[in-house]
Amino acid sequence: MENIDNKALFKLSYGLYAVTCNDGTKDGGLIVNTVIQQASTPLTLSVTISKANYSHDVIKSTKKLNINCLNTDTPFEIFEKLGFRSGRDTDKLSDVFHWKAQNGLAVLSGEIINAFFLCEVTDYVDLGSHGMFLCKVCQAVHISDTESMTYDYYHKNVKPKKNTKKSGYVCSICGYVYEGDDLPSDFVCPICKHGATDFEKV
């Protein structure tokens, strides 16, 4: 759409969270910036996830998830392991320290999260490219007062700087570089699944 400047979206304030799930054989999860408190009685959170993510299908089927609130000590490797590969063919948490909560789902190390929520999905809203899960909070635990990781903090302090030595186009979301003179209009980033409109020429 001609009236949409995608850079405007970067001005919206978001936190970053690791949402964990289990498909029955292995733990999984992903990084999201779409956790919102919707109500206090009963305590209800919403989590919106792209349908392209394997975790979307797992959570829709199992109807449970854990939300891990990442703090500013979270290293980039956590974003790589949970955000830049698919749980369809990868055991994402095999080399990420975690423990199991009473609902059987993973909770990440207290060194990189400052709170976590155990949730049951009560409703689902189809939003086209994404699905919104409305969740009842079964348990909420405060771990520390370490500052929460925000989308802005991640881009300024955690995400590696763009590699401008390569010619082509770079994804402004995750930093993936497409090498070539022309970027196809229907190109989708293989890492973060964003489209060609989120790429910049380098």
N, C-alpha and C. Protein backbone atom coordinates (compact mmCIF):
# COMPACT_ATOMS: atom_id res chain seq x y z
N MET A 1 0.84 -1.20 0.00
CA MET A 1 0.00 0.00 0.00
C MET A 1 0.88 1.25 0.00
N GLU A 2 0.57 2.20 -0.86
CA GLU A 2 1.40 3.38 -1.04
C GLU A 2 1.43 4.27 0.20
N ASN A 3 0.37 4.24 1.01
CA ASN A 3 0.31 5.12 2.17
C ASN A 3 0.94 4.52 3.42
N ILE A 4 1.56 3.35 3.30
CA ILE A 4 2.16 2.68 4.45
C ILE A 4 3.68 2.80 4.40
N ASP A 5 4.26 3.48 5.38
CA ASP A 5 5.71 3.55 5.53
C ASP A 5 6.07 2.56 6.63
N ASN A 6 6.69 1.43 6.26
CA ASN A 6 6.97 0.39 7.24
C ASN A 6 7.87 0.85 8.38
N LYS A 7 8.66 1.90 8.14
CA LYS A 7 9.53 2.40 9.21
C LYS A 7 8.71 2.99 10.35
N ALA A 8 7.49 3.42 10.04
CA ALA A 8 6.61 3.96 11.09
C ALA A 8 6.30 2.88 12.13
N LEU A 9 6.24 1.63 11.68
CA LEU A 9 5.93 0.52 12.59
C LEU A 9 7.01 0.34 13.65
N PHE A 10 8.25 0.74 13.31
CA PHE A 10 9.34 0.58 14.27
C PHE A 10 9.19 1.52 15.47
N LYS A 11 8.32 2.53 15.35
CA LYS A 11 8.12 3.49 16.44
C LYS A 11 7.11 2.99 17.47
N LEU A 12 6.41 1.90 17.14
CA LEU A 12 5.52 1.30 18.13
C LEU A 12 6.37 0.61 19.19
N SER A 13 5.99 0.75 20.44
CA SER A 13 6.79 0.20 21.53
C SER A 13 6.39 -1.24 21.80
N TYR A 14 7.38 -2.14 21.73
CA TYR A 14 7.13 -3.56 21.94
C TYR A 14 8.13 -4.14 22.94
N GLY A 15 7.69 -5.15 23.67
CA GLY A 15 8.61 -5.97 24.42
C GLY A 15 8.92 -7.20 23.59
N LEU A 16 9.97 -7.93 23.95
CA LEU A 16 10.32 -9.16 23.26
C LEU A 16 10.21 -10.33 24.23
N TYR A 17 9.60 -11.41 23.74
CA TYR A 17 9.28 -12.56 24.59
C TYR A 17 9.63 -13.86 23.87
N ALA A 18 10.00 -14.86 24.65
CA ALA A 18 10.16 -16.20 24.12
C ALA A 18 8.92 -16.99 24.51
N VAL A 19 8.16 -17.41 23.52
CA VAL A 19 6.96 -18.23 23.77
C VAL A 19 7.36 -19.68 23.54
N THR A 20 7.14 -20.53 24.55
CA THR A 20 7.53 -21.92 24.44
C THR A 20 6.31 -22.82 24.36
N CYS A 21 6.50 -23.97 23.71
CA CYS A 21 5.42 -24.95 23.52
C CYS A 21 6.05 -26.33 23.38
N ASN A 22 5.24 -27.35 23.15
CA ASN A 22 5.75 -28.70 22.96
C ASN A 22 4.80 -29.44 22.02
N ASP A 23 5.37 -30.07 20.99
CA ASP A 23 4.54 -30.74 19.99
C ASP A 23 4.26 -32.20 20.32
N GLY A 24 4.66 -32.63 21.51
CA GLY A 24 4.46 -34.02 21.92
C GLY A 24 5.72 -34.85 21.87
N THR A 25 6.71 -34.37 21.11
CA THR A 25 7.97 -35.09 21.01
C THR A 25 9.16 -34.22 21.39
N LYS A 26 9.03 -32.91 21.21
CA LYS A 26 10.14 -32.02 21.55
C LYS A 26 9.62 -30.64 21.93
N ASP A 27 10.45 -29.95 22.73
CA ASP A 27 10.13 -28.57 23.10
C ASP A 27 10.39 -27.66 21.92
N GLY A 28 9.63 -26.60 21.84
CA GLY A 28 9.82 -25.62 20.78
C GLY A 28 9.48 -24.24 21.28
N GLY A 29 9.53 -23.30 20.39
CA GLY A 29 9.21 -21.94 20.76
C GLY A 29 9.68 -20.95 19.72
N LEU A 30 9.44 -19.70 20.00
CA LEU A 30 9.82 -18.64 19.07
C LEU A 30 9.88 -17.32 19.81
N ILE A 31 10.44 -16.32 19.14
CA ILE A 31 10.50 -14.96 19.68
C ILE A 31 9.32 -14.17 19.11
N VAL A 32 8.60 -13.47 19.99
CA VAL A 32 7.50 -12.63 19.54
C VAL A 32 7.59 -11.26 20.20
N ASN A 33 6.93 -10.29 19.59
CA ASN A 33 6.82 -8.96 20.18
C ASN A 33 5.34 -8.57 20.30
N THR A 34 4.50 -9.59 20.49
CA THR A 34 3.06 -9.38 20.39
C THR A 34 2.29 -9.89 21.60
N VAL A 35 2.89 -9.79 22.78
CA VAL A 35 2.19 -10.19 24.01
C VAL A 35 1.54 -8.95 24.62
N ILE A 36 0.24 -9.02 24.87
CA ILE A 36 -0.50 -7.87 25.41
C ILE A 36 -1.46 -8.35 26.49
N GLN A 37 -1.52 -7.61 27.60
CA GLN A 37 -2.55 -7.91 28.59
C GLN A 37 -3.87 -7.35 28.09
N GLN A 38 -4.89 -8.20 28.00
CA GLN A 38 -6.18 -7.79 27.49
C GLN A 38 -7.21 -7.56 28.59
N ALA A 39 -7.07 -8.23 29.72
CA ALA A 39 -8.03 -8.09 30.82
C ALA A 39 -7.35 -8.49 32.12
N SER A 40 -7.90 -8.00 33.24
CA SER A 40 -7.34 -8.34 34.55
C SER A 40 -8.18 -9.37 35.29
N THR A 41 -9.49 -9.42 34.99
CA THR A 41 -10.37 -10.39 35.66
C THR A 41 -11.27 -11.04 34.63
N PRO A 42 -11.00 -12.29 34.24
CA PRO A 42 -9.80 -13.05 34.61
C PRO A 42 -8.56 -12.50 33.88
N LEU A 43 -7.40 -12.74 34.46
CA LEU A 43 -6.16 -12.26 33.85
C LEU A 43 -5.99 -12.93 32.49
N THR A 44 -6.03 -12.10 31.44
CA THR A 44 -6.00 -12.61 30.06
C THR A 44 -4.91 -11.90 29.26
N LEU A 45 -4.07 -12.69 28.61
CA LEU A 45 -3.04 -12.16 27.73
C LEU A 45 -3.35 -12.63 26.30
N SER A 46 -2.95 -11.83 25.35
CA SER A 46 -3.04 -12.27 23.95
C SER A 46 -1.64 -12.40 23.39
N VAL A 47 -1.48 -13.40 22.53
CA VAL A 47 -0.21 -13.63 21.83
C VAL A 47 -0.54 -13.84 20.36
N THR A 48 0.03 -13.03 19.50
CA THR A 48 -0.23 -13.13 18.07
C THR A 48 0.99 -13.73 17.38
N ILE A 49 0.76 -14.77 16.56
CA ILE A 49 1.86 -15.51 15.94
C ILE A 49 1.57 -15.71 14.45
N SER A 50 2.60 -15.54 13.64
CA SER A 50 2.46 -15.77 12.20
C SER A 50 2.10 -17.23 11.94
N LYS A 51 1.19 -17.44 10.99
CA LYS A 51 0.81 -18.80 10.62
C LYS A 51 1.96 -19.55 9.96
N ALA A 52 2.99 -18.82 9.51
CA ALA A 52 4.15 -19.46 8.89
C ALA A 52 5.03 -20.15 9.92
N ASN A 53 4.86 -19.82 11.19
CA ASN A 53 5.66 -20.42 12.25
C ASN A 53 5.08 -21.75 12.70
N TYR A 54 5.94 -22.73 12.85
CA TYR A 54 5.51 -24.05 13.31
C TYR A 54 4.83 -23.97 14.67
N SER A 55 5.33 -23.10 15.55
CA SER A 55 4.75 -22.96 16.89
C SER A 55 3.27 -22.57 16.83
N HIS A 56 2.88 -21.82 15.81
CA HIS A 56 1.47 -21.45 15.66
C HIS A 56 0.60 -22.70 15.62
N ASP A 57 0.99 -23.67 14.80
CA ASP A 57 0.20 -24.89 14.66
C ASP A 57 0.23 -25.74 15.93
N VAL A 58 1.40 -25.77 16.57
CA VAL A 58 1.54 -26.55 17.80
C VAL A 58 0.63 -25.99 18.89
N ILE A 59 0.67 -24.67 19.08
CA ILE A 59 -0.14 -24.04 20.12
C ILE A 59 -1.63 -24.15 19.81
N LYS A 60 -1.97 -24.02 18.55
CA LYS A 60 -3.38 -24.14 18.17
C LYS A 60 -3.90 -25.54 18.48
N SER A 61 -3.03 -26.53 18.37
CA SER A 61 -3.42 -27.92 18.63
C SER A 61 -3.43 -28.25 20.12
N THR A 62 -2.38 -27.83 20.84
CA THR A 62 -2.23 -28.21 22.26
C THR A 62 -2.96 -27.27 23.21
N LYS A 63 -3.20 -26.03 22.76
CA LYS A 63 -3.91 -25.01 23.55
C LYS A 63 -3.19 -24.65 24.85
N LYS A 64 -1.87 -24.69 24.82
CA LYS A 64 -1.12 -24.19 25.97
C LYS A 64 0.24 -23.65 25.51
N LEU A 65 0.74 -22.69 26.28
CA LEU A 65 2.01 -22.05 25.98
C LEU A 65 2.55 -21.39 27.24
N ASN A 66 3.85 -21.14 27.23
CA ASN A 66 4.47 -20.36 28.28
C ASN A 66 5.05 -19.10 27.67
N ILE A 67 4.96 -17.99 28.38
CA ILE A 67 5.54 -16.74 27.94
C ILE A 67 6.71 -16.40 28.85
N ASN A 68 7.89 -16.26 28.25
CA ASN A 68 9.11 -15.90 28.97
C ASN A 68 9.45 -14.45 28.65
N CYS A 69 9.47 -13.58 29.66
CA CYS A 69 9.77 -12.17 29.44
C CYS A 69 11.29 -11.98 29.41
N LEU A 70 11.82 -11.74 28.23
CA LEU A 70 13.27 -11.59 28.08
C LEU A 70 13.76 -10.30 28.71
N ASN A 71 14.95 -10.35 29.30
CA ASN A 71 15.52 -9.13 29.86
C ASN A 71 16.71 -8.65 29.01
N THR A 72 17.29 -7.54 29.38
CA THR A 72 18.34 -6.92 28.57
C THR A 72 19.66 -7.69 28.62
N ASP A 73 19.74 -8.74 29.43
CA ASP A 73 20.94 -9.58 29.45
C ASP A 73 20.85 -10.72 28.44
N THR A 74 19.74 -10.81 27.71
CA THR A 74 19.57 -11.89 26.74
C THR A 74 20.55 -11.72 25.58
N PRO A 75 21.42 -12.71 25.34
CA PRO A 75 22.39 -12.59 24.25
C PRO A 75 21.75 -12.85 22.89
N PHE A 76 22.41 -12.40 21.85
CA PHE A 76 21.90 -12.56 20.49
C PHE A 76 21.71 -14.03 20.13
N GLU A 77 22.51 -14.93 20.69
CA GLU A 77 22.41 -16.34 20.33
C GLU A 77 21.03 -16.92 20.68
N ILE A 78 20.35 -16.37 21.69
CA ILE A 78 19.00 -16.84 22.02
C ILE A 78 18.03 -16.48 20.89
N PHE A 79 18.20 -15.28 20.34
CA PHE A 79 17.36 -14.87 19.21
C PHE A 79 17.66 -15.71 17.98
N GLU A 80 18.92 -16.08 17.79
CA GLU A 80 19.29 -16.94 16.67
C GLU A 80 18.65 -18.31 16.80
N LYS A 81 18.72 -18.90 18.01
CA LYS A 81 18.24 -20.26 18.22
C LYS A 81 16.72 -20.36 18.21
N LEU A 82 16.04 -19.36 18.75
CA LEU A 82 14.59 -19.42 18.82
C LEU A 82 13.89 -18.68 17.68
N GLY A 83 14.59 -17.72 17.08
CA GLY A 83 13.93 -16.89 16.08
C GLY A 83 14.35 -17.10 14.65
N PHE A 84 15.53 -17.70 14.42
CA PHE A 84 16.06 -17.76 13.06
C PHE A 84 16.10 -19.16 12.48
N ARG A 85 15.40 -20.11 13.12
CA ARG A 85 15.31 -21.46 12.58
C ARG A 85 13.94 -22.03 12.91
N SER A 86 13.55 -23.05 12.18
CA SER A 86 12.20 -23.59 12.33
C SER A 86 12.17 -24.82 13.23
N GLY A 87 11.13 -24.91 14.07
CA GLY A 87 10.94 -26.07 14.92
C GLY A 87 10.43 -27.28 14.16
N ARG A 88 10.07 -27.09 12.89
CA ARG A 88 9.60 -28.24 12.10
C ARG A 88 10.70 -29.28 11.94
N ASP A 89 11.94 -28.80 11.79
CA ASP A 89 13.05 -29.73 11.58
C ASP A 89 14.21 -29.50 12.54
N THR A 90 13.97 -28.74 13.62
CA THR A 90 15.02 -28.43 14.57
C THR A 90 14.50 -28.55 16.00
N ASP A 91 15.32 -29.12 16.87
CA ASP A 91 15.01 -29.14 18.30
C ASP A 91 15.59 -27.84 18.87
N LYS A 92 14.79 -26.79 18.86
CA LYS A 92 15.28 -25.44 19.17
C LYS A 92 15.89 -25.32 20.56
N LEU A 93 15.35 -26.04 21.53
CA LEU A 93 15.80 -25.86 22.91
C LEU A 93 16.84 -26.88 23.35
N SER A 94 17.33 -27.70 22.41
CA SER A 94 18.27 -28.75 22.78
C SER A 94 19.55 -28.18 23.39
N ASP A 95 19.96 -26.99 22.94
CA ASP A 95 21.18 -26.39 23.47
C ASP A 95 20.91 -25.03 24.13
N VAL A 96 19.67 -24.87 24.61
CA VAL A 96 19.30 -23.66 25.36
C VAL A 96 18.91 -24.09 26.77
N PHE A 97 19.56 -23.52 27.79
CA PHE A 97 19.26 -23.93 29.17
C PHE A 97 17.81 -23.58 29.52
N HIS A 98 17.09 -24.58 30.05
CA HIS A 98 15.71 -24.37 30.46
C HIS A 98 15.30 -25.44 31.47
N TRP A 99 14.16 -25.25 32.07
CA TRP A 99 13.60 -26.25 32.98
C TRP A 99 12.11 -26.36 32.67
N LYS A 100 11.48 -27.41 33.19
CA LYS A 100 10.07 -27.65 32.89
C LYS A 100 9.17 -27.14 34.02
N ALA A 101 8.18 -26.36 33.65
CA ALA A 101 7.19 -25.88 34.60
C ALA A 101 6.16 -26.98 34.86
N GLN A 102 5.22 -26.72 35.76
CA GLN A 102 4.25 -27.75 36.12
C GLN A 102 3.32 -28.13 34.98
N ASN A 103 3.23 -27.28 33.95
CA ASN A 103 2.40 -27.62 32.79
C ASN A 103 3.18 -28.41 31.74
N GLY A 104 4.44 -28.75 32.05
CA GLY A 104 5.25 -29.56 31.16
C GLY A 104 5.98 -28.80 30.08
N LEU A 105 5.80 -27.47 30.05
CA LEU A 105 6.45 -26.65 29.02
C LEU A 105 7.69 -25.96 29.58
N ALA A 106 8.58 -25.59 28.66
CA ALA A 106 9.87 -25.02 29.05
C ALA A 106 9.76 -23.60 29.58
N VAL A 107 10.61 -23.32 30.57
CA VAL A 107 10.85 -21.97 31.06
C VAL A 107 12.35 -21.73 30.94
N LEU A 108 12.74 -20.60 30.39
CA LEU A 108 14.15 -20.32 30.15
C LEU A 108 14.86 -19.92 31.44
N SER A 109 16.17 -19.88 31.37
CA SER A 109 17.01 -19.55 32.52
C SER A 109 16.63 -18.20 33.12
N GLY A 110 16.62 -18.14 34.46
CA GLY A 110 16.32 -16.89 35.15
C GLY A 110 17.35 -15.80 34.91
N GLU A 111 18.47 -16.15 34.30
CA GLU A 111 19.48 -15.14 33.99
C GLU A 111 19.06 -14.26 32.81
N ILE A 112 18.16 -14.76 31.96
CA ILE A 112 17.78 -13.99 30.77
C ILE A 112 16.30 -13.62 30.73
N ILE A 113 15.54 -14.02 31.75
CA ILE A 113 14.13 -13.60 31.82
C ILE A 113 13.87 -12.96 33.18
N ASN A 114 12.89 -12.07 33.23
CA ASN A 114 12.57 -11.43 34.51
C ASN A 114 11.18 -11.81 35.02
N ALA A 115 10.44 -12.59 34.23
CA ALA A 115 9.13 -13.10 34.64
C ALA A 115 8.69 -14.16 33.64
N PHE A 116 7.73 -15.00 34.05
CA PHE A 116 7.15 -15.93 33.10
C PHE A 116 5.70 -16.20 33.45
N PHE A 117 4.95 -16.62 32.44
CA PHE A 117 3.52 -16.89 32.58
C PHE A 117 3.21 -18.27 32.00
N LEU A 118 2.46 -19.07 32.74
CA LEU A 118 1.95 -20.34 32.24
C LEU A 118 0.52 -20.09 31.78
N CYS A 119 0.23 -20.42 30.53
CA CYS A 119 -1.05 -20.02 29.93
C CYS A 119 -1.79 -21.16 29.26
N GLU A 120 -3.12 -21.07 29.31
CA GLU A 120 -4.00 -21.95 28.56
C GLU A 120 -4.77 -21.11 27.54
N VAL A 121 -4.83 -21.59 26.32
CA VAL A 121 -5.53 -20.88 25.25
C VAL A 121 -7.03 -21.07 25.44
N THR A 122 -7.76 -19.96 25.50
CA THR A 122 -9.22 -20.02 25.65
C THR A 122 -9.96 -19.66 24.38
N ASP A 123 -9.29 -18.95 23.48
CA ASP A 123 -9.94 -18.55 22.23
C ASP A 123 -8.88 -18.25 21.18
N TYR A 124 -9.30 -18.27 19.94
CA TYR A 124 -8.40 -18.04 18.82
C TYR A 124 -9.07 -17.11 17.83
N VAL A 125 -8.33 -16.12 17.34
CA VAL A 125 -8.86 -15.17 16.36
C VAL A 125 -8.00 -15.24 15.10
N ASP A 126 -8.62 -15.54 13.97
CA ASP A 126 -7.91 -15.61 12.70
C ASP A 126 -7.74 -14.21 12.15
N LEU A 127 -6.48 -13.78 12.00
CA LEU A 127 -6.19 -12.43 11.53
C LEU A 127 -5.59 -12.42 10.13
N GLY A 128 -5.79 -13.48 9.39
CA GLY A 128 -5.23 -13.55 8.04
C GLY A 128 -3.85 -14.18 8.07
N SER A 129 -2.80 -13.38 7.99
CA SER A 129 -1.44 -13.91 8.00
C SER A 129 -1.04 -14.43 9.38
N HIS A 130 -1.74 -13.95 10.43
CA HIS A 130 -1.41 -14.32 11.80
C HIS A 130 -2.64 -14.87 12.52
N GLY A 131 -2.40 -15.51 13.63
CA GLY A 131 -3.47 -15.95 14.50
C GLY A 131 -3.25 -15.38 15.89
N MET A 132 -4.32 -14.91 16.54
CA MET A 132 -4.20 -14.38 17.89
C MET A 132 -4.76 -15.40 18.88
N PHE A 133 -3.92 -15.74 19.86
CA PHE A 133 -4.32 -16.66 20.91
C PHE A 133 -4.69 -15.86 22.16
N LEU A 134 -5.92 -15.99 22.62
CA LEU A 134 -6.32 -15.39 23.88
C LEU A 134 -6.08 -16.42 24.96
N CYS A 135 -5.36 -16.03 26.00
CA CYS A 135 -4.86 -16.99 26.98
C CYS A 135 -5.23 -16.63 28.41
N LYS A 136 -5.70 -17.64 29.14
CA LYS A 136 -5.91 -17.51 30.58
C LYS A 136 -4.58 -17.77 31.27
N VAL A 137 -4.20 -16.88 32.19
CA VAL A 137 -2.95 -17.05 32.91
C VAL A 137 -3.20 -17.97 34.10
N CYS A 138 -2.51 -19.11 34.11
CA CYS A 138 -2.65 -20.08 35.20
C CYS A 138 -1.64 -19.82 36.31
N GLN A 139 -0.50 -19.26 35.94
CA GLN A 139 0.53 -18.92 36.92
C GLN A 139 1.37 -17.78 36.36
N ALA A 140 1.68 -16.82 37.21
CA ALA A 140 2.55 -15.70 36.84
C ALA A 140 3.63 -15.58 37.90
N VAL A 141 4.90 -15.57 37.47
CA VAL A 141 6.02 -15.56 38.41
C VAL A 141 6.97 -14.42 38.08
N HIS A 142 7.23 -13.58 39.08
CA HIS A 142 8.23 -12.51 38.96
C HIS A 142 9.57 -13.06 39.38
N ILE A 143 10.61 -12.83 38.56
CA ILE A 143 11.93 -13.37 38.85
C ILE A 143 12.92 -12.30 39.30
N SER A 144 12.94 -11.18 38.60
CA SER A 144 13.90 -10.13 38.94
C SER A 144 13.41 -8.78 38.43
N ASP A 145 14.14 -7.74 38.84
CA ASP A 145 13.82 -6.39 38.39
C ASP A 145 14.72 -5.95 37.24
N THR A 146 15.44 -6.90 36.65
CA THR A 146 16.26 -6.58 35.48
C THR A 146 15.36 -6.02 34.39
N GLU A 147 15.82 -4.98 33.72
CA GLU A 147 15.01 -4.30 32.71
C GLU A 147 14.57 -5.25 31.60
N SER A 148 13.35 -5.11 31.16
CA SER A 148 12.82 -5.95 30.09
C SER A 148 13.44 -5.58 28.74
N MET A 149 13.61 -6.58 27.91
CA MET A 149 14.11 -6.37 26.56
C MET A 149 12.99 -5.77 25.70
N THR A 150 13.27 -4.66 25.08
CA THR A 150 12.30 -4.07 24.15
C THR A 150 12.80 -4.25 22.72
N TYR A 151 11.90 -4.09 21.80
CA TYR A 151 12.24 -4.19 20.38
C TYR A 151 13.31 -3.15 20.03
N ASP A 152 13.15 -1.94 20.57
CA ASP A 152 14.09 -0.87 20.29
C ASP A 152 15.48 -1.19 20.86
N TYR A 153 15.51 -1.70 22.10
CA TYR A 153 16.79 -2.05 22.74
C TYR A 153 17.49 -3.14 21.94
N TYR A 154 16.71 -4.12 21.50
CA TYR A 154 17.29 -5.22 20.71
C TYR A 154 17.98 -4.69 19.45
N HIS A 155 17.30 -3.81 18.73
CA HIS A 155 17.86 -3.29 17.48
C HIS A 155 19.09 -2.42 17.73
N LYS A 156 19.10 -1.68 18.83
CA LYS A 156 20.21 -0.76 19.08
C LYS A 156 21.40 -1.43 19.77
N ASN A 157 21.15 -2.47 20.56
CA ASN A 157 22.22 -3.00 21.41
C ASN A 157 22.52 -4.49 21.26
N VAL A 158 21.62 -5.25 20.67
CA VAL A 158 21.81 -6.71 20.63
C VAL A 158 22.02 -7.22 19.21
N LYS A 159 21.16 -6.82 18.29
CA LYS A 159 21.26 -7.31 16.91
C LYS A 159 22.55 -6.82 16.26
N PRO A 160 23.32 -7.72 15.64
CA PRO A 160 24.55 -7.29 14.96
C PRO A 160 24.26 -6.23 13.90
N LYS A 161 25.20 -5.36 13.70
CA LYS A 161 25.04 -4.31 12.70
C LYS A 161 25.02 -4.92 11.30
N LYS A 162 24.38 -4.21 10.39
CA LYS A 162 24.25 -4.69 9.02
C LYS A 162 25.62 -4.89 8.38
N ASN A 163 25.72 -5.95 7.61
CA ASN A 163 26.93 -6.21 6.84
C ASN A 163 26.81 -5.51 5.49
N THR A 164 27.38 -4.33 5.43
CA THR A 164 27.24 -3.53 4.20
C THR A 164 28.30 -3.87 3.15
N LYS A 165 29.18 -4.86 3.45
CA LYS A 165 30.21 -5.23 2.49
C LYS A 165 29.61 -6.05 1.34
N LYS A 166 28.49 -6.70 1.60
CA LYS A 166 27.85 -7.50 0.56
C LYS A 166 26.93 -6.62 -0.27
N SER A 167 26.88 -6.88 -1.57
CA SER A 167 25.96 -6.15 -2.42
C SER A 167 24.64 -6.89 -2.48
N GLY A 168 23.57 -6.16 -2.55
CA GLY A 168 22.25 -6.79 -2.61
C GLY A 168 21.26 -6.04 -1.75
N TYR A 169 20.46 -6.78 -0.99
CA TYR A 169 19.41 -6.19 -0.16
C TYR A 169 19.47 -6.82 1.22
N VAL A 170 19.26 -5.99 2.24
CA VAL A 170 19.31 -6.49 3.62
C VAL A 170 17.94 -6.33 4.27
N CYS A 171 17.53 -7.35 5.00
CA CYS A 171 16.26 -7.31 5.72
C CYS A 171 16.40 -6.39 6.93
N SER A 172 15.54 -5.39 7.01
CA SER A 172 15.62 -4.43 8.12
C SER A 172 15.11 -5.02 9.42
N ILE A 173 14.50 -6.20 9.36
CA ILE A 173 13.99 -6.83 10.57
C ILE A 173 15.04 -7.70 11.24
N CYS A 174 15.66 -8.62 10.47
CA CYS A 174 16.59 -9.56 11.09
C CYS A 174 18.02 -9.47 10.58
N GLY A 175 18.26 -8.70 9.51
CA GLY A 175 19.62 -8.53 9.01
C GLY A 175 20.03 -9.51 7.92
N TYR A 176 19.13 -10.40 7.49
CA TYR A 176 19.44 -11.34 6.42
C TYR A 176 19.79 -10.57 5.14
N VAL A 177 20.84 -11.02 4.43
CA VAL A 177 21.27 -10.34 3.21
C VAL A 177 20.95 -11.20 1.99
N TYR A 178 20.20 -10.61 1.06
CA TYR A 178 19.91 -11.23 -0.23
C TYR A 178 20.92 -10.67 -1.22
N GLU A 179 21.73 -11.54 -1.80
CA GLU A 179 22.74 -11.09 -2.75
C GLU A 179 22.18 -11.12 -4.17
N GLY A 180 22.30 -10.00 -4.85
CA GLY A 180 21.80 -9.89 -6.21
C GLY A 180 21.42 -8.46 -6.53
N ASP A 181 21.32 -8.15 -7.82
CA ASP A 181 21.01 -6.80 -8.24
C ASP A 181 19.53 -6.46 -8.11
N ASP A 182 18.67 -7.47 -8.27
CA ASP A 182 17.23 -7.22 -8.20
C ASP A 182 16.57 -8.17 -7.20
N LEU A 183 15.80 -7.61 -6.30
CA LEU A 183 15.07 -8.40 -5.32
C LEU A 183 13.66 -8.66 -5.84
N PRO A 184 13.26 -9.92 -6.00
CA PRO A 184 11.91 -10.21 -6.49
C PRO A 184 10.85 -9.59 -5.58
N SER A 185 9.80 -9.05 -6.18
CA SER A 185 8.76 -8.36 -5.40
C SER A 185 8.03 -9.30 -4.46
N ASP A 186 8.04 -10.60 -4.77
CA ASP A 186 7.35 -11.57 -3.91
C ASP A 186 8.31 -12.32 -2.99
N PHE A 187 9.53 -11.80 -2.86
CA PHE A 187 10.53 -12.48 -2.03
C PHE A 187 10.13 -12.43 -0.56
N VAL A 188 10.31 -13.56 0.14
CA VAL A 188 10.03 -13.65 1.57
C VAL A 188 11.32 -14.04 2.28
N CYS A 189 11.67 -13.29 3.31
CA CYS A 189 12.90 -13.56 4.05
C CYS A 189 12.84 -14.98 4.63
N PRO A 190 13.86 -15.81 4.38
CA PRO A 190 13.84 -17.18 4.89
C PRO A 190 14.05 -17.26 6.40
N ILE A 191 14.47 -16.15 6.99
CA ILE A 191 14.73 -16.15 8.44
C ILE A 191 13.52 -15.68 9.22
N CYS A 192 13.06 -14.44 8.95
CA CYS A 192 11.98 -13.87 9.77
C CYS A 192 10.63 -13.83 9.05
N LYS A 193 10.60 -14.29 7.78
CA LYS A 193 9.36 -14.40 7.00
C LYS A 193 8.74 -13.06 6.60
N HIS A 194 9.49 -11.96 6.67
CA HIS A 194 8.97 -10.66 6.20
C HIS A 194 9.19 -10.54 4.70
N GLY A 195 8.36 -9.72 4.07
CA GLY A 195 8.38 -9.59 2.63
C GLY A 195 9.39 -8.60 2.11
N ALA A 196 9.38 -8.44 0.77
CA ALA A 196 10.35 -7.58 0.09
C ALA A 196 10.29 -6.12 0.54
N THR A 197 9.12 -5.67 1.02
CA THR A 197 8.99 -4.27 1.43
C THR A 197 9.85 -3.95 2.66
N ASP A 198 10.30 -4.98 3.38
CA ASP A 198 11.14 -4.75 4.56
C ASP A 198 12.63 -4.89 4.25
N PHE A 199 12.98 -4.94 2.96
CA PHE A 199 14.37 -5.02 2.56
C PHE A 199 14.87 -3.67 2.06
N GLU A 200 16.14 -3.39 2.34
CA GLU A 200 16.78 -2.14 1.88
C GLU A 200 18.00 -2.48 1.04
N LYS A 201 18.23 -1.73 -0.01
CA LYS A 201 19.38 -1.98 -0.87
C LYS A 201 20.67 -1.56 -0.16
N VAL A 202 21.70 -2.39 -0.29
CA VAL A 202 23.01 -2.08 0.31
C VAL A 202 24.08 -2.05 -0.77
